[in-house]
Amino acid sequence: MKPGKLGDVVVGTAGDVAGTVVDPRAGLGKLRSAVTARSVVTLAAGLLLGFLLARSRRRR
């Protein structure tokens, strides 16, 4: 993915989340179609890295 497209992806995702609040059934359908193994692994790795970083800063 090109770095310039990252903002478009973030804005699109925010719009999808807002749409899910209005129409949960359609929003969950979009979410299921957008979820891939790569995105799940990336999200899990980001959460783990953030947890470890916060944990190391807390101990200081």
C-alpha atoms as a PDB file:
ATOM      1  CA  MET A   1       0.000   0.000   0.000  1.00  0.00           C
ATOM      2  CA  LYS A   2       1.258   3.450  -0.843  1.00  0.00           C
ATOM      3  CA  PRO A   3       1.747   5.774   2.146  1.00  0.00           C
ATOM      4  CA  GLY A   4      -0.524   8.405   0.561  1.00  0.00           C
ATOM      5  CA  LYS A   5      -3.424   5.943   0.500  1.00  0.00           C
ATOM      6  CA  LEU A   6      -3.262   5.294   4.254  1.00  0.00           C
ATOM      7  CA  GLY A   7      -5.326   8.400   5.025  1.00  0.00           C
ATOM      8  CA  ASP A   8      -7.995   7.288   2.569  1.00  0.00           C
ATOM      9  CA  VAL A   9      -8.153   3.881   4.234  1.00  0.00           C
ATOM     10  CA  VAL A  10      -8.462   5.439   7.700  1.00  0.00           C
ATOM     11  CA  VAL A  11     -11.246   7.786   6.604  1.00  0.00           C
ATOM     12  CA  GLY A  12     -13.077   4.955   4.847  1.00  0.00           C
ATOM     13  CA  THR A  13     -12.821   2.773   7.926  1.00  0.00           C
ATOM     14  CA  ALA A  14     -14.115   5.571  10.152  1.00  0.00           C
ATOM     15  CA  GLY A  15     -17.074   5.970   7.801  1.00  0.00           C
ATOM     16  CA  ASP A  16     -17.777   2.247   7.924  1.00  0.00           C
ATOM     17  CA  VAL A  17     -17.701   2.313  11.727  1.00  0.00           C
ATOM     18  CA  ALA A  18     -20.122   5.245  11.787  1.00  0.00           C
ATOM     19  CA  GLY A  19     -22.380   3.396   9.348  1.00  0.00           C
ATOM     20  CA  THR A  20     -22.324   0.353  11.590  1.00  0.00           C
ATOM     21  CA  VAL A  21     -23.781   2.428  14.417  1.00  0.00           C
ATOM     22  CA  VAL A  22     -26.685   3.454  12.170  1.00  0.00           C
ATOM     23  CA  ASP A  23     -27.266   0.060  10.505  1.00  0.00           C
ATOM     24  CA  PRO A  24     -25.538  -2.737  12.451  1.00  0.00           C
ATOM     25  CA  ARG A  25     -26.575  -5.557  10.105  1.00  0.00           C
ATOM     26  CA  ALA A  26     -25.071  -3.918   6.997  1.00  0.00           C
ATOM     27  CA  GLY A  27     -22.009  -2.779   8.940  1.00  0.00           C
ATOM     28  CA  LEU A  28     -21.242  -6.248  10.216  1.00  0.00           C
ATOM     29  CA  GLY A  29     -21.613  -7.618   6.695  1.00  0.00           C
ATOM     30  CA  LYS A  30     -19.022  -5.106   5.450  1.00  0.00           C
ATOM     31  CA  LEU A  31     -16.746  -5.978   8.343  1.00  0.00           C
ATOM     32  CA  ARG A  32     -16.909  -9.695   7.580  1.00  0.00           C
ATOM     33  CA  SER A  33     -16.054  -9.090   3.940  1.00  0.00           C
ATOM     34  CA  ALA A  34     -13.154  -6.776   4.810  1.00  0.00           C
ATOM     35  CA  VAL A  35     -11.503  -9.004   7.407  1.00  0.00           C
ATOM     36  CA  THR A  36      -8.617 -11.033   6.062  1.00  0.00           C
ATOM     37  CA  ALA A  37      -6.047 -13.170   7.793  1.00  0.00           C
ATOM     38  CA  ARG A  38      -3.397 -10.546   7.085  1.00  0.00           C
ATOM     39  CA  SER A  39      -5.442  -7.761   8.697  1.00  0.00           C
ATOM     40  CA  VAL A  40      -6.142  -9.885  11.785  1.00  0.00           C
ATOM     41  CA  VAL A  41      -2.452 -10.727  12.199  1.00  0.00           C
ATOM     42  CA  THR A  42      -1.468  -7.081  11.686  1.00  0.00           C
ATOM     43  CA  LEU A  43      -4.003  -5.917  14.260  1.00  0.00           C
ATOM     44  CA  ALA A  44      -2.918  -8.563  16.777  1.00  0.00           C
ATOM     45  CA  ALA A  45       0.762  -7.674  16.281  1.00  0.00           C
ATOM     46  CA  GLY A  46      -0.006  -3.981  16.746  1.00  0.00           C
ATOM     47  CA  LEU A  47      -1.964  -4.628  19.921  1.00  0.00           C
ATOM     48  CA  LEU A  48       0.796  -6.826  21.317  1.00  0.00           C
ATOM     49  CA  LEU A  49       3.486  -4.286  20.464  1.00  0.00           C
ATOM     50  CA  GLY A  50       1.455  -1.479  22.051  1.00  0.00           C
ATOM     51  CA  PHE A  51       0.882  -3.558  25.178  1.00  0.00           C
ATOM     52  CA  LEU A  52       4.559  -4.369  25.533  1.00  0.00           C
ATOM     53  CA  LEU A  53       5.582  -0.764  24.959  1.00  0.00           C
ATOM     54  CA  ALA A  54       3.095   0.531  27.531  1.00  0.00           C
ATOM     55  CA  ARG A  55       4.186  -2.120  30.002  1.00  0.00           C
ATOM     56  CA  SER A  56       7.867  -1.230  29.648  1.00  0.00           C
ATOM     57  CA  ARG A  57       7.144   2.492  30.137  1.00  0.00           C
ATOM     58  CA  ARG A  58       5.024   1.795  33.187  1.00  0.00           C
ATOM     59  CA  ARG A  59       7.833   0.016  35.016  1.00  0.00           C
ATOM     60  CA  ARG A  60      10.152   3.043  34.846  1.00  0.00           C
END
